[in-house]
């Protein structure tokens, strides 16, 4: 059997950790686009969304948060706050906001703070969250922030794995939130 991705059966193309190392080595990185014959490419951007687009996205992604975001914040007020004060790294598909990382870059001494990472359920597991976090971290580095912090619920294992892949280190648990921090190298 060849080393090309196209000749491997579908289960081998999967990046699940239970696959043998040799099988995982043959895999190509996931592409940031939909699947199927009518797949439309995703477009990454920054700060293009308006309040209504962010609110629509947050509502669609709400159940993916642990616990759901709507149980912790008023989504409409949060969307307004993100649009007014946060840098937003966005992924778009067919004019819809499908991925969002919101980062507060207001206090260089305290560091940047990632407030939101969300990808719509249909596009999860395709590397979109990784790409958006990478984009947010690049901005923080360019602006010479010394560190980036965030909070997440300890039960949110997918988010924990995403942040660990980017070098975030777990810290203290404050209430029901785990603090994670990444010390940035300079550009």
N, C-alpha and C. Protein backbone atom coordinates (compact mmCIF):
# COMPACT_ATOMS: atom_id res chain seq x y z
N UNK A 1 0.84 -1.17 0.00
CA UNK A 1 0.00 0.00 0.00
C UNK A 1 0.89 1.23 0.00
N UNK A 2 0.53 2.25 -0.76
CA UNK A 2 1.33 3.47 -0.89
C UNK A 2 1.28 4.36 0.32
N UNK A 3 2.07 5.42 0.28
CA UNK A 3 2.14 6.38 1.38
C UNK A 3 1.20 7.55 1.18
N UNK A 4 0.37 7.52 0.17
CA UNK A 4 -0.51 8.65 -0.13
C UNK A 4 -1.79 8.58 0.68
N UNK A 5 -2.25 9.73 1.08
CA UNK A 5 -3.47 9.88 1.86
C UNK A 5 -4.67 9.28 1.14
N UNK A 6 -4.78 9.50 -0.15
CA UNK A 6 -5.95 9.08 -0.90
C UNK A 6 -6.15 7.57 -0.97
N UNK A 7 -5.11 6.78 -0.77
CA UNK A 7 -5.27 5.34 -0.89
C UNK A 7 -5.55 4.67 0.45
N UNK A 8 -5.47 5.42 1.53
CA UNK A 8 -5.75 4.83 2.83
C UNK A 8 -7.25 4.76 3.04
N UNK A 9 -7.73 3.72 3.67
CA UNK A 9 -9.16 3.63 3.96
C UNK A 9 -9.55 4.73 4.95
N UNK A 10 -10.83 5.16 4.95
CA UNK A 10 -11.26 6.27 5.81
C UNK A 10 -10.87 6.16 7.28
N UNK A 11 -10.95 4.97 7.93
CA UNK A 11 -10.58 4.95 9.35
C UNK A 11 -9.12 5.32 9.60
N UNK A 12 -8.23 5.08 8.64
CA UNK A 12 -6.82 5.38 8.82
C UNK A 12 -6.56 6.87 8.67
N UNK A 13 -7.39 7.57 7.87
CA UNK A 13 -7.22 9.00 7.67
C UNK A 13 -7.56 9.80 8.93
N UNK A 14 -8.19 9.17 9.85
CA UNK A 14 -8.62 9.81 11.07
C UNK A 14 -7.42 10.09 11.97
N UNK A 15 -7.43 11.20 12.73
CA UNK A 15 -6.32 11.55 13.60
C UNK A 15 -6.58 11.18 15.05
N UNK A 16 -7.34 10.20 15.29
CA UNK A 16 -7.62 9.82 16.67
C UNK A 16 -6.37 9.21 17.30
N UNK A 17 -6.17 9.44 18.60
CA UNK A 17 -4.93 8.99 19.25
C UNK A 17 -4.77 7.48 19.32
N UNK A 18 -5.85 6.71 19.14
CA UNK A 18 -5.71 5.26 19.24
C UNK A 18 -5.12 4.65 17.97
N UNK A 19 -4.89 5.46 16.96
CA UNK A 19 -4.26 4.95 15.73
C UNK A 19 -2.77 4.72 15.96
N UNK A 20 -2.23 3.73 15.31
CA UNK A 20 -0.81 3.44 15.42
C UNK A 20 0.01 4.60 14.86
N UNK A 21 1.20 4.82 15.42
CA UNK A 21 2.03 5.95 15.01
C UNK A 21 2.32 5.92 13.51
N UNK A 22 2.59 4.76 12.95
CA UNK A 22 2.88 4.67 11.52
C UNK A 22 1.69 5.15 10.69
N UNK A 23 0.50 4.79 11.10
CA UNK A 23 -0.68 5.24 10.37
C UNK A 23 -0.83 6.75 10.48
N UNK A 24 -0.61 7.35 11.66
CA UNK A 24 -0.75 8.78 11.83
C UNK A 24 0.29 9.54 11.02
N UNK A 25 1.50 8.98 10.83
CA UNK A 25 2.54 9.67 10.08
C UNK A 25 2.16 9.87 8.62
N UNK A 26 1.34 9.02 8.08
CA UNK A 26 0.97 9.11 6.67
C UNK A 26 -0.07 10.19 6.41
N UNK A 27 -0.61 10.74 7.45
CA UNK A 27 -1.71 11.68 7.28
C UNK A 27 -1.20 13.07 6.91
N UNK A 28 -1.96 13.73 6.07
CA UNK A 28 -1.69 15.12 5.76
C UNK A 28 -2.41 15.99 6.77
N UNK A 29 -1.93 17.22 6.97
CA UNK A 29 -2.65 18.11 7.88
C UNK A 29 -4.07 18.36 7.36
N UNK A 30 -4.99 18.56 8.29
CA UNK A 30 -6.36 18.84 7.89
C UNK A 30 -6.44 20.17 7.20
N UNK A 31 -7.28 20.24 6.21
CA UNK A 31 -7.47 21.48 5.49
C UNK A 31 -8.64 22.23 6.10
N UNK A 32 -8.59 23.52 6.03
CA UNK A 32 -9.65 24.35 6.59
C UNK A 32 -10.72 24.59 5.54
N UNK A 33 -11.48 23.56 5.24
CA UNK A 33 -12.60 23.70 4.33
C UNK A 33 -13.59 22.59 4.61
N UNK A 34 -14.78 22.78 4.12
CA UNK A 34 -15.83 21.78 4.32
C UNK A 34 -15.53 20.52 3.55
N UNK A 35 -16.37 19.52 3.74
CA UNK A 35 -16.18 18.24 3.07
C UNK A 35 -17.29 18.03 2.06
N UNK A 36 -17.07 17.16 1.12
CA UNK A 36 -18.09 16.79 0.16
C UNK A 36 -17.93 17.51 -1.17
N UNK A 37 -18.78 17.13 -2.11
CA UNK A 37 -18.66 17.66 -3.47
C UNK A 37 -18.91 19.15 -3.52
N UNK A 38 -19.82 19.68 -2.73
CA UNK A 38 -20.13 21.10 -2.76
C UNK A 38 -19.41 21.89 -1.69
N UNK A 39 -18.23 21.44 -1.27
CA UNK A 39 -17.51 22.09 -0.19
C UNK A 39 -17.13 23.51 -0.56
N UNK A 40 -17.32 24.41 0.39
CA UNK A 40 -16.96 25.80 0.21
C UNK A 40 -15.82 26.10 1.16
N UNK A 41 -14.79 26.76 0.68
CA UNK A 41 -13.64 27.07 1.52
C UNK A 41 -14.00 28.07 2.61
N UNK A 42 -13.29 27.96 3.68
CA UNK A 42 -13.43 28.90 4.79
C UNK A 42 -12.49 30.07 4.56
N UNK A 43 -12.88 31.20 5.09
CA UNK A 43 -12.06 32.41 4.98
C UNK A 43 -11.78 32.90 6.39
N UNK A 44 -10.50 33.13 6.70
CA UNK A 44 -10.11 33.68 8.00
C UNK A 44 -9.95 35.18 7.87
N UNK A 45 -10.38 35.91 8.91
CA UNK A 45 -10.26 37.36 8.92
C UNK A 45 -10.16 37.83 10.36
N UNK A 46 -10.11 39.15 10.51
CA UNK A 46 -10.08 39.74 11.85
C UNK A 46 -11.00 40.95 11.90
N UNK A 47 -11.79 41.01 12.95
CA UNK A 47 -12.61 42.17 13.27
C UNK A 47 -13.57 42.61 12.17
N UNK A 48 -14.12 41.68 11.43
CA UNK A 48 -15.11 42.00 10.40
C UNK A 48 -16.54 41.88 10.90
N UNK A 49 -16.75 41.09 11.91
CA UNK A 49 -18.11 40.79 12.36
C UNK A 49 -18.73 41.98 13.08
N UNK A 50 -20.05 42.02 13.01
CA UNK A 50 -20.79 43.01 13.80
C UNK A 50 -21.46 42.29 14.97
N UNK A 51 -22.13 43.04 15.82
CA UNK A 51 -22.75 42.49 17.02
C UNK A 51 -23.74 41.38 16.70
N UNK A 52 -24.58 41.58 15.69
CA UNK A 52 -25.60 40.57 15.35
C UNK A 52 -24.96 39.28 14.86
N UNK A 53 -23.90 39.38 14.08
CA UNK A 53 -23.21 38.18 13.59
C UNK A 53 -22.55 37.43 14.75
N UNK A 54 -21.94 38.16 15.67
CA UNK A 54 -21.32 37.52 16.83
C UNK A 54 -22.39 36.87 17.70
N UNK A 55 -23.51 37.56 17.92
CA UNK A 55 -24.59 37.01 18.73
C UNK A 55 -25.16 35.74 18.09
N UNK A 56 -25.39 35.76 16.80
CA UNK A 56 -25.89 34.58 16.09
C UNK A 56 -24.91 33.41 16.24
N UNK A 57 -23.63 33.70 16.10
CA UNK A 57 -22.61 32.66 16.26
C UNK A 57 -22.60 32.10 17.69
N UNK A 58 -22.62 32.98 18.68
CA UNK A 58 -22.59 32.53 20.07
C UNK A 58 -23.80 31.66 20.40
N UNK A 59 -24.95 32.02 19.88
CA UNK A 59 -26.15 31.20 20.11
C UNK A 59 -26.00 29.83 19.47
N UNK A 60 -25.44 29.78 18.26
CA UNK A 60 -25.27 28.50 17.56
C UNK A 60 -24.22 27.62 18.23
N UNK A 61 -23.22 28.24 18.86
CA UNK A 61 -22.13 27.49 19.49
C UNK A 61 -22.36 27.27 20.98
N UNK A 62 -23.42 27.83 21.53
CA UNK A 62 -23.66 27.84 22.98
C UNK A 62 -23.53 26.46 23.63
N UNK A 63 -24.14 25.46 23.06
CA UNK A 63 -24.14 24.13 23.67
C UNK A 63 -22.76 23.48 23.68
N UNK A 64 -21.81 23.99 22.88
CA UNK A 64 -20.47 23.41 22.83
C UNK A 64 -19.61 23.84 24.02
N UNK A 65 -20.03 24.90 24.71
CA UNK A 65 -19.29 25.35 25.88
C UNK A 65 -19.61 24.44 27.07
N UNK A 66 -18.64 24.31 27.99
CA UNK A 66 -18.83 23.50 29.20
C UNK A 66 -18.64 24.42 30.39
N UNK A 67 -19.69 24.73 31.15
CA UNK A 67 -21.12 24.57 30.86
C UNK A 67 -21.52 25.53 29.75
N UNK A 68 -22.74 25.40 29.20
CA UNK A 68 -23.17 26.29 28.12
C UNK A 68 -22.95 27.76 28.49
N UNK A 69 -22.50 28.53 27.52
CA UNK A 69 -22.17 29.93 27.74
C UNK A 69 -23.37 30.72 28.25
N UNK A 70 -24.55 30.43 27.75
CA UNK A 70 -25.75 31.17 28.15
C UNK A 70 -26.10 30.98 29.62
N UNK A 71 -25.54 29.97 30.28
CA UNK A 71 -25.76 29.78 31.71
C UNK A 71 -24.86 30.69 32.54
N UNK A 72 -23.84 31.27 31.88
CA UNK A 72 -22.87 32.10 32.61
C UNK A 72 -22.97 33.58 32.28
N UNK A 73 -23.39 33.91 31.05
CA UNK A 73 -23.45 35.31 30.63
C UNK A 73 -24.70 35.56 29.81
N UNK A 74 -25.10 36.82 29.74
CA UNK A 74 -26.15 37.24 28.83
C UNK A 74 -25.50 37.34 27.45
N UNK A 75 -25.91 36.50 26.51
CA UNK A 75 -25.25 36.42 25.21
C UNK A 75 -25.28 37.74 24.45
N UNK A 76 -26.39 38.46 24.50
CA UNK A 76 -26.49 39.73 23.78
C UNK A 76 -25.49 40.76 24.35
N UNK A 77 -25.43 40.87 25.66
CA UNK A 77 -24.49 41.81 26.28
C UNK A 77 -23.05 41.39 26.01
N UNK A 78 -22.79 40.08 26.02
CA UNK A 78 -21.44 39.57 25.76
C UNK A 78 -21.02 39.87 24.32
N UNK A 79 -21.92 39.68 23.37
CA UNK A 79 -21.61 39.99 21.97
C UNK A 79 -21.29 41.47 21.80
N UNK A 80 -22.05 42.32 22.47
CA UNK A 80 -21.79 43.77 22.42
C UNK A 80 -20.41 44.09 22.99
N UNK A 81 -20.08 43.48 24.12
CA UNK A 81 -18.78 43.71 24.76
C UNK A 81 -17.63 43.23 23.87
N UNK A 82 -17.77 42.05 23.28
CA UNK A 82 -16.71 41.54 22.41
C UNK A 82 -16.47 42.46 21.22
N UNK A 83 -17.54 42.93 20.61
CA UNK A 83 -17.40 43.81 19.44
C UNK A 83 -16.79 45.16 19.81
N UNK A 84 -17.06 45.62 21.02
CA UNK A 84 -16.55 46.92 21.44
C UNK A 84 -15.12 46.88 21.95
N UNK A 85 -14.71 45.77 22.57
CA UNK A 85 -13.43 45.78 23.29
C UNK A 85 -12.44 44.69 22.92
N UNK A 86 -12.85 43.67 22.19
CA UNK A 86 -11.95 42.54 21.93
C UNK A 86 -11.48 42.52 20.48
N UNK A 87 -10.31 41.97 20.28
CA UNK A 87 -9.83 41.65 18.94
C UNK A 87 -10.47 40.33 18.58
N UNK A 88 -11.06 40.26 17.39
CA UNK A 88 -11.80 39.05 17.00
C UNK A 88 -11.14 38.41 15.78
N UNK A 89 -10.68 37.19 15.96
CA UNK A 89 -10.20 36.39 14.85
C UNK A 89 -11.35 35.50 14.44
N UNK A 90 -11.67 35.53 13.15
CA UNK A 90 -12.92 34.96 12.67
C UNK A 90 -12.71 34.01 11.51
N UNK A 91 -13.61 33.05 11.43
CA UNK A 91 -13.67 32.16 10.26
C UNK A 91 -15.08 32.29 9.69
N UNK A 92 -15.13 32.42 8.37
CA UNK A 92 -16.39 32.64 7.66
C UNK A 92 -16.61 31.55 6.63
N UNK A 93 -17.86 31.15 6.47
CA UNK A 93 -18.24 30.21 5.42
C UNK A 93 -19.59 30.66 4.87
N UNK A 94 -19.64 30.93 3.59
CA UNK A 94 -20.87 31.38 2.93
C UNK A 94 -21.50 32.58 3.63
N UNK A 95 -20.68 33.51 4.08
CA UNK A 95 -21.19 34.72 4.72
C UNK A 95 -21.58 34.57 6.17
N UNK A 96 -21.41 33.38 6.74
CA UNK A 96 -21.76 33.15 8.14
C UNK A 96 -20.50 33.02 8.98
N UNK A 97 -20.53 33.59 10.17
CA UNK A 97 -19.44 33.46 11.12
C UNK A 97 -19.50 32.06 11.73
N UNK A 98 -18.48 31.24 11.45
CA UNK A 98 -18.48 29.84 11.90
C UNK A 98 -17.42 29.54 12.94
N UNK A 99 -16.49 30.46 13.15
CA UNK A 99 -15.45 30.29 14.15
C UNK A 99 -15.04 31.64 14.70
N UNK A 100 -14.75 31.71 16.00
CA UNK A 100 -14.43 32.99 16.63
C UNK A 100 -13.48 32.79 17.80
N UNK A 101 -12.42 33.58 17.82
CA UNK A 101 -11.56 33.71 19.00
C UNK A 101 -11.55 35.19 19.34
N UNK A 102 -11.97 35.52 20.55
CA UNK A 102 -12.00 36.91 21.01
C UNK A 102 -10.93 37.09 22.08
N UNK A 103 -10.06 38.07 21.87
CA UNK A 103 -8.93 38.31 22.76
C UNK A 103 -8.92 39.77 23.19
N UNK A 104 -8.82 39.99 24.48
CA UNK A 104 -8.66 41.35 24.99
C UNK A 104 -7.17 41.67 25.01
N UNK A 105 -6.82 42.74 24.33
CA UNK A 105 -5.43 43.19 24.25
C UNK A 105 -5.36 44.62 24.81
N UNK A 106 -5.88 44.80 26.01
CA UNK A 106 -6.03 46.14 26.57
C UNK A 106 -4.93 46.53 27.55
N UNK A 107 -4.26 45.57 28.17
CA UNK A 107 -3.31 45.86 29.23
C UNK A 107 -2.04 45.06 29.02
N UNK A 108 -1.03 45.73 28.47
CA UNK A 108 0.22 45.03 28.14
C UNK A 108 0.87 44.44 29.39
N UNK A 109 0.79 45.14 30.53
CA UNK A 109 1.42 44.63 31.76
C UNK A 109 0.77 43.33 32.24
N UNK A 110 -0.55 43.26 32.17
CA UNK A 110 -1.27 42.06 32.59
C UNK A 110 -1.22 40.96 31.53
N UNK A 111 -1.03 41.33 30.28
CA UNK A 111 -1.02 40.37 29.19
C UNK A 111 -2.36 40.34 28.48
N UNK A 112 -2.38 39.68 27.35
CA UNK A 112 -3.62 39.51 26.59
C UNK A 112 -4.46 38.44 27.26
N UNK A 113 -5.76 38.46 26.99
CA UNK A 113 -6.66 37.50 27.62
C UNK A 113 -7.64 36.98 26.58
N UNK A 114 -7.62 35.67 26.35
CA UNK A 114 -8.56 35.04 25.43
C UNK A 114 -9.87 34.79 26.18
N UNK A 115 -10.92 35.45 25.71
CA UNK A 115 -12.21 35.37 26.37
C UNK A 115 -13.13 34.33 25.75
N UNK A 116 -12.94 34.06 24.46
CA UNK A 116 -13.85 33.15 23.76
C UNK A 116 -13.12 32.41 22.66
N UNK A 117 -13.33 31.12 22.60
CA UNK A 117 -12.93 30.29 21.46
C UNK A 117 -14.13 29.42 21.14
N UNK A 118 -14.68 29.60 19.94
CA UNK A 118 -15.87 28.81 19.57
C UNK A 118 -15.87 28.51 18.08
N UNK A 119 -16.24 27.29 17.77
CA UNK A 119 -16.38 26.81 16.40
C UNK A 119 -17.72 26.10 16.32
N UNK A 120 -18.46 26.35 15.27
CA UNK A 120 -19.77 25.71 15.14
C UNK A 120 -19.61 24.19 15.09
N UNK A 121 -20.58 23.46 15.63
CA UNK A 121 -20.46 22.00 15.75
C UNK A 121 -20.12 21.28 14.44
N UNK A 122 -20.67 21.70 13.32
CA UNK A 122 -20.42 21.00 12.05
C UNK A 122 -18.97 21.10 11.60
N UNK A 123 -18.22 22.07 12.12
CA UNK A 123 -16.84 22.27 11.67
C UNK A 123 -15.80 21.93 12.74
N UNK A 124 -16.24 21.42 13.86
CA UNK A 124 -15.30 21.06 14.92
C UNK A 124 -14.46 19.86 14.48
N UNK A 125 -13.24 19.81 14.98
CA UNK A 125 -12.34 18.70 14.70
C UNK A 125 -11.63 18.80 13.36
N UNK A 126 -11.69 19.96 12.72
CA UNK A 126 -11.04 20.13 11.42
C UNK A 126 -9.86 21.09 11.47
N UNK A 127 -9.44 21.48 12.68
CA UNK A 127 -8.28 22.37 12.81
C UNK A 127 -8.60 23.84 12.79
N UNK A 128 -9.87 24.18 12.75
CA UNK A 128 -10.26 25.58 12.68
C UNK A 128 -9.94 26.32 13.98
N UNK A 129 -10.22 25.71 15.11
CA UNK A 129 -9.88 26.33 16.40
C UNK A 129 -8.39 26.56 16.51
N UNK A 130 -7.59 25.59 16.08
CA UNK A 130 -6.13 25.75 16.09
C UNK A 130 -5.70 26.95 15.25
N UNK A 131 -6.25 27.07 14.05
CA UNK A 131 -5.87 28.17 13.17
C UNK A 131 -6.24 29.52 13.76
N UNK A 132 -7.41 29.61 14.37
CA UNK A 132 -7.84 30.88 14.95
C UNK A 132 -7.02 31.23 16.20
N UNK A 133 -6.71 30.25 17.03
CA UNK A 133 -5.87 30.52 18.20
C UNK A 133 -4.47 30.94 17.74
N UNK A 134 -3.93 30.28 16.72
CA UNK A 134 -2.62 30.66 16.18
C UNK A 134 -2.63 32.12 15.73
N UNK A 135 -3.69 32.51 15.05
CA UNK A 135 -3.82 33.89 14.55
C UNK A 135 -3.88 34.87 15.73
N UNK A 136 -4.62 34.54 16.78
CA UNK A 136 -4.72 35.41 17.95
C UNK A 136 -3.38 35.52 18.67
N UNK A 137 -2.66 34.41 18.78
CA UNK A 137 -1.35 34.44 19.45
C UNK A 137 -0.34 35.24 18.64
N UNK A 138 -0.41 35.16 17.32
CA UNK A 138 0.49 35.93 16.46
C UNK A 138 0.27 37.42 16.69
N UNK A 139 -0.98 37.85 16.81
CA UNK A 139 -1.27 39.26 17.07
C UNK A 139 -0.70 39.69 18.42
N UNK A 140 -0.88 38.86 19.44
CA UNK A 140 -0.35 39.20 20.76
C UNK A 140 1.17 39.31 20.73
N UNK A 141 1.82 38.43 19.98
CA UNK A 141 3.29 38.51 19.85
C UNK A 141 3.70 39.79 19.13
N UNK A 142 3.02 40.10 18.03
CA UNK A 142 3.33 41.31 17.26
C UNK A 142 3.19 42.56 18.12
N UNK A 143 2.23 42.55 19.02
CA UNK A 143 1.99 43.70 19.90
C UNK A 143 2.84 43.64 21.16
N UNK A 144 3.71 42.65 21.22
CA UNK A 144 4.68 42.49 22.29
C UNK A 144 4.06 42.29 23.68
N UNK A 145 2.98 41.54 23.72
CA UNK A 145 2.41 41.15 25.01
C UNK A 145 3.31 40.07 25.60
N UNK A 146 3.58 40.14 26.90
CA UNK A 146 4.47 39.14 27.51
C UNK A 146 3.82 37.78 27.70
N UNK A 147 2.49 37.76 27.80
CA UNK A 147 1.79 36.50 28.06
C UNK A 147 0.34 36.61 27.61
N UNK A 148 -0.28 35.44 27.48
CA UNK A 148 -1.71 35.35 27.18
C UNK A 148 -2.32 34.42 28.22
N UNK A 149 -3.42 34.84 28.79
CA UNK A 149 -4.11 34.03 29.78
C UNK A 149 -5.52 33.69 29.31
N UNK A 150 -6.11 32.73 29.99
CA UNK A 150 -7.50 32.36 29.71
C UNK A 150 -8.01 31.54 30.87
N UNK A 151 -9.32 31.36 30.89
CA UNK A 151 -9.98 30.50 31.88
C UNK A 151 -10.85 29.49 31.14
N UNK A 152 -10.96 28.30 31.69
CA UNK A 152 -11.87 27.31 31.14
C UNK A 152 -12.35 26.41 32.27
N UNK A 153 -13.45 25.74 32.02
CA UNK A 153 -13.98 24.79 32.99
C UNK A 153 -13.10 23.54 32.95
N UNK A 154 -12.72 23.00 34.10
CA UNK A 154 -11.84 21.82 34.12
C UNK A 154 -12.40 20.62 33.37
N UNK A 155 -13.71 20.54 33.18
CA UNK A 155 -14.31 19.41 32.46
C UNK A 155 -14.27 19.58 30.95
N UNK A 156 -13.82 20.72 30.46
CA UNK A 156 -13.78 20.97 29.02
C UNK A 156 -12.47 20.41 28.46
N UNK A 157 -12.45 19.11 28.25
CA UNK A 157 -11.22 18.42 27.85
C UNK A 157 -10.76 18.79 26.44
N UNK A 158 -11.69 19.05 25.53
CA UNK A 158 -11.31 19.43 24.16
C UNK A 158 -10.59 20.78 24.17
N UNK A 159 -11.12 21.73 24.92
CA UNK A 159 -10.48 23.05 25.00
C UNK A 159 -9.12 22.93 25.70
N UNK A 160 -9.06 22.14 26.76
CA UNK A 160 -7.80 21.95 27.48
C UNK A 160 -6.73 21.40 26.53
N UNK A 161 -7.08 20.42 25.72
CA UNK A 161 -6.12 19.83 24.77
C UNK A 161 -5.69 20.86 23.73
N UNK A 162 -6.63 21.66 23.24
CA UNK A 162 -6.31 22.70 22.26
C UNK A 162 -5.28 23.67 22.84
N UNK A 163 -5.52 24.14 24.04
CA UNK A 163 -4.61 25.13 24.64
C UNK A 163 -3.25 24.51 24.97
N UNK A 164 -3.23 23.27 25.41
CA UNK A 164 -1.94 22.60 25.69
C UNK A 164 -1.12 22.47 24.41
N UNK A 165 -1.78 22.17 23.29
CA UNK A 165 -1.06 22.08 22.00
C UNK A 165 -0.37 23.39 21.65
N UNK A 166 -0.91 24.49 22.12
CA UNK A 166 -0.33 25.80 21.82
C UNK A 166 0.63 26.26 22.91
N UNK A 167 0.88 25.42 23.91
CA UNK A 167 1.88 25.72 24.92
C UNK A 167 1.35 26.34 26.20
N UNK A 168 0.04 26.46 26.34
CA UNK A 168 -0.52 27.01 27.58
C UNK A 168 -0.24 26.04 28.73
N UNK A 169 0.01 26.62 29.88
CA UNK A 169 0.32 25.85 31.08
C UNK A 169 -0.82 26.04 32.09
N UNK A 170 -1.35 24.93 32.62
CA UNK A 170 -2.42 25.07 33.62
C UNK A 170 -1.89 25.69 34.91
N UNK A 171 -2.76 26.47 35.53
CA UNK A 171 -2.41 27.10 36.80
C UNK A 171 -3.44 26.76 37.86
N UNK A 172 -3.83 27.75 38.59
CA UNK A 172 -4.74 27.57 39.71
C UNK A 172 -6.18 27.39 39.24
N UNK A 173 -6.97 26.74 40.07
CA UNK A 173 -8.41 26.64 39.85
C UNK A 173 -9.04 27.72 40.71
N UNK A 174 -9.79 28.60 40.06
CA UNK A 174 -10.48 29.70 40.75
C UNK A 174 -11.97 29.46 40.62
N UNK A 175 -12.61 29.04 41.70
CA UNK A 175 -14.02 28.68 41.64
C UNK A 175 -14.18 27.46 40.76
N UNK A 176 -14.93 27.60 39.68
CA UNK A 176 -15.10 26.49 38.73
C UNK A 176 -14.32 26.73 37.44
N UNK A 177 -13.29 27.57 37.50
CA UNK A 177 -12.51 27.90 36.31
C UNK A 177 -11.04 27.58 36.54
N UNK A 178 -10.44 26.93 35.56
CA UNK A 178 -9.01 26.65 35.55
C UNK A 178 -8.32 27.78 34.78
N UNK A 179 -7.27 28.34 35.36
CA UNK A 179 -6.49 29.37 34.70
C UNK A 179 -5.38 28.70 33.89
N UNK A 180 -5.16 29.17 32.66
CA UNK A 180 -4.03 28.69 31.85
C UNK A 180 -3.30 29.93 31.31
N UNK A 181 -1.99 29.82 31.21
CA UNK A 181 -1.17 30.95 30.78
C UNK A 181 -0.12 30.47 29.77
N UNK A 182 0.15 31.33 28.81
CA UNK A 182 1.22 31.10 27.85
C UNK A 182 2.15 32.29 27.88
N UNK A 183 3.43 32.04 28.18
CA UNK A 183 4.44 33.10 28.12
C UNK A 183 4.90 33.18 26.68
N UNK A 184 4.83 34.38 26.11
CA UNK A 184 5.13 34.55 24.69
C UNK A 184 6.59 34.88 24.45
N UNK A 185 7.14 34.32 23.38
CA UNK A 185 8.44 34.73 22.91
C UNK A 185 8.20 35.93 22.01
N UNK A 186 9.22 36.69 21.79
CA UNK A 186 9.09 37.90 20.96
C UNK A 186 9.16 37.54 19.49
N UNK A 187 8.50 38.35 18.63
CA UNK A 187 8.51 38.05 17.18
C UNK A 187 9.90 38.16 16.58
